[in-house]
């Protein structure tokens, strides 16, 4: 049986002309299906690496979005996806908000 997993991944934006204080990161959450957590991790790594992209911005600078790491993998409790189904959650203490 295939199980849905919510994957949280971290990407870094690298611009040819940038200062260290202005590094831009993106956390993204996407869904994949796999037979088990180990297979989900491998599919998540493959999917995240495929999302790396390079282009020139409006200033003609080279921009590259690089996959950094997987932050979290969570099994989604629903067998089928439907409107309103929870796909990701995180517990936080008040200072983390």
C-alpha atoms as a PDB file:
ATOM      1  CA  UNK A   1       0.000   0.000   0.000  1.00  0.00           C
ATOM      2  CA  UNK A   2       1.322   3.432  -0.927  1.00  0.00           C
ATOM      3  CA  UNK A   3       1.448   5.990   1.896  1.00  0.00           C
ATOM      4  CA  UNK A   4       1.429   9.782   1.504  1.00  0.00           C
ATOM      5  CA  UNK A   5       4.291  11.681   3.141  1.00  0.00           C
ATOM      6  CA  UNK A   6       4.730  15.413   3.702  1.00  0.00           C
ATOM      7  CA  UNK A   7       8.312  16.436   3.037  1.00  0.00           C
ATOM      8  CA  UNK A   8       9.883  19.650   4.340  1.00  0.00           C
ATOM      9  CA  UNK A   9      13.017  20.655   2.422  1.00  0.00           C
ATOM     10  CA  UNK A  10      15.444  23.560   2.617  1.00  0.00           C
ATOM     11  CA  UNK A  11      16.804  25.370  -0.455  1.00  0.00           C
ATOM     12  CA  UNK A  12      19.393  28.147  -0.699  1.00  0.00           C
ATOM     13  CA  UNK A  13      19.460  30.922  -3.287  1.00  0.00           C
ATOM     14  CA  UNK A  14      22.943  31.596  -4.649  1.00  0.00           C
ATOM     15  CA  UNK A  15      23.426  34.772  -6.669  1.00  0.00           C
ATOM     16  CA  UNK A  16      26.673  35.492  -8.486  1.00  0.00           C
ATOM     17  CA  UNK A  17      26.880  38.920  -6.786  1.00  0.00           C
ATOM     18  CA  UNK A  18      25.748  38.667  -3.171  1.00  0.00           C
ATOM     19  CA  UNK A  19      26.817  39.612   0.304  1.00  0.00           C
ATOM     20  CA  UNK A  20      26.934  37.010   3.096  1.00  0.00           C
ATOM     21  CA  UNK A  21      24.357  38.924   5.159  1.00  0.00           C
ATOM     22  CA  UNK A  22      21.758  38.665   2.400  1.00  0.00           C
ATOM     23  CA  UNK A  23      21.528  34.923   1.803  1.00  0.00           C
ATOM     24  CA  UNK A  24      17.991  33.867   0.915  1.00  0.00           C
ATOM     25  CA  UNK A  25      16.604  30.458   1.933  1.00  0.00           C
ATOM     26  CA  UNK A  26      13.315  28.743   1.155  1.00  0.00           C
ATOM     27  CA  UNK A  27      11.554  26.067   3.175  1.00  0.00           C
ATOM     28  CA  UNK A  28       9.103  24.144   1.056  1.00  0.00           C
ATOM     29  CA  UNK A  29       6.662  21.353   1.814  1.00  0.00           C
ATOM     30  CA  UNK A  30       5.621  18.863  -0.852  1.00  0.00           C
ATOM     31  CA  UNK A  31       3.821  15.525  -0.934  1.00  0.00           C
ATOM     32  CA  UNK A  32       5.077  12.194  -2.205  1.00  0.00           C
ATOM     33  CA  UNK A  33       3.833   8.612  -2.096  1.00  0.00           C
ATOM     34  CA  UNK A  34       5.996   5.678  -1.051  1.00  0.00           C
ATOM     35  CA  UNK A  35       5.729   2.189   0.434  1.00  0.00           C
ATOM     36  CA  UNK A  36       7.658   3.070   3.620  1.00  0.00           C
ATOM     37  CA  UNK A  37       9.645   5.828   5.315  1.00  0.00           C
ATOM     38  CA  UNK A  38      12.982   4.717   3.846  1.00  0.00           C
ATOM     39  CA  UNK A  39      11.558   4.779   0.308  1.00  0.00           C
ATOM     40  CA  UNK A  40       9.911   8.133   1.081  1.00  0.00           C
ATOM     41  CA  UNK A  41      13.257   9.612   2.104  1.00  0.00           C
ATOM     42  CA  UNK A  42      14.931   8.480  -1.108  1.00  0.00           C
ATOM     43  CA  UNK A  43      12.054   9.779  -3.264  1.00  0.00           C
ATOM     44  CA  UNK A  44      12.126  13.048  -1.299  1.00  0.00           C
ATOM     45  CA  UNK A  45      15.855  13.474  -1.950  1.00  0.00           C
ATOM     46  CA  UNK A  46      15.379  12.759  -5.660  1.00  0.00           C
ATOM     47  CA  UNK A  47      12.412  15.143  -5.910  1.00  0.00           C
ATOM     48  CA  UNK A  48      14.197  17.936  -4.032  1.00  0.00           C
ATOM     49  CA  UNK A  49      17.291  17.650  -6.225  1.00  0.00           C
ATOM     50  CA  UNK A  50      15.074  17.836  -9.329  1.00  0.00           C
ATOM     51  CA  UNK A  51      13.694  21.134  -8.006  1.00  0.00           C
ATOM     52  CA  UNK A  52      17.089  22.811  -8.193  1.00  0.00           C
ATOM     53  CA  UNK A  53      16.982  25.532 -10.826  1.00  0.00           C
ATOM     54  CA  UNK A  54      19.324  28.076 -12.423  1.00  0.00           C
ATOM     55  CA  UNK A  55      18.384  31.251 -14.314  1.00  0.00           C
ATOM     56  CA  UNK A  56      19.338  34.880 -14.868  1.00  0.00           C
ATOM     57  CA  UNK A  57      17.466  37.496 -12.837  1.00  0.00           C
ATOM     58  CA  UNK A  58      16.356  40.932 -14.087  1.00  0.00           C
ATOM     59  CA  UNK A  59      19.848  42.308 -13.384  1.00  0.00           C
ATOM     60  CA  UNK A  60      21.337  39.559 -15.614  1.00  0.00           C
ATOM     61  CA  UNK A  61      22.961  37.902 -12.584  1.00  0.00           C
ATOM     62  CA  UNK A  62      23.205  34.116 -12.410  1.00  0.00           C
ATOM     63  CA  UNK A  63      20.798  32.744  -9.800  1.00  0.00           C
ATOM     64  CA  UNK A  64      20.883  29.141  -8.584  1.00  0.00           C
ATOM     65  CA  UNK A  65      18.459  27.541  -6.123  1.00  0.00           C
ATOM     66  CA  UNK A  66      20.284  24.614  -4.488  1.00  0.00           C
ATOM     67  CA  UNK A  67      18.802  21.870  -2.376  1.00  0.00           C
ATOM     68  CA  UNK A  68      20.455  21.912   1.073  1.00  0.00           C
ATOM     69  CA  UNK A  69      18.757  19.196   3.129  1.00  0.00           C
ATOM     70  CA  UNK A  70      15.554  17.487   4.162  1.00  0.00           C
ATOM     71  CA  UNK A  71      14.215  19.042   7.350  1.00  0.00           C
ATOM     72  CA  UNK A  72      11.361  16.658   8.100  1.00  0.00           C
ATOM     73  CA  UNK A  73       9.395  13.703   6.754  1.00  0.00           C
ATOM     74  CA  UNK A  74       5.929  13.085   8.151  1.00  0.00           C
ATOM     75  CA  UNK A  75       3.487  10.361   7.260  1.00  0.00           C
ATOM     76  CA  UNK A  76       0.137  11.855   6.309  1.00  0.00           C
ATOM     77  CA  UNK A  77      -2.585   9.982   8.158  1.00  0.00           C
ATOM     78  CA  UNK A  78      -5.090  10.014   5.298  1.00  0.00           C
ATOM     79  CA  UNK A  79      -5.090   7.283   2.655  1.00  0.00           C
ATOM     80  CA  UNK A  80      -6.731   9.643   0.201  1.00  0.00           C
ATOM     81  CA  UNK A  81      -6.259  13.369   0.012  1.00  0.00           C
ATOM     82  CA  UNK A  82      -9.287  15.607   0.271  1.00  0.00           C
ATOM     83  CA  UNK A  83     -10.153  19.193   1.063  1.00  0.00           C
ATOM     84  CA  UNK A  84      -8.979  20.133   4.550  1.00  0.00           C
ATOM     85  CA  UNK A  85      -6.750  17.104   5.207  1.00  0.00           C
ATOM     86  CA  UNK A  86      -3.763  17.938   7.427  1.00  0.00           C
ATOM     87  CA  UNK A  87      -0.499  17.319   5.619  1.00  0.00           C
ATOM     88  CA  UNK A  88       2.049  18.834   8.013  1.00  0.00           C
ATOM     89  CA  UNK A  89       2.258  20.023  11.617  1.00  0.00           C
ATOM     90  CA  UNK A  90       4.941  21.097  14.058  1.00  0.00           C
ATOM     91  CA  UNK A  91       4.854  21.594  17.833  1.00  0.00           C
ATOM     92  CA  UNK A  92       6.608  24.739  19.061  1.00  0.00           C
ATOM     93  CA  UNK A  93       7.240  26.340  22.420  1.00  0.00           C
ATOM     94  CA  UNK A  94       6.213  29.990  22.746  1.00  0.00           C
ATOM     95  CA  UNK A  95       9.769  31.421  22.328  1.00  0.00           C
ATOM     96  CA  UNK A  96       9.974  29.687  18.919  1.00  0.00           C
ATOM     97  CA  UNK A  97       6.968  31.572  17.518  1.00  0.00           C
END
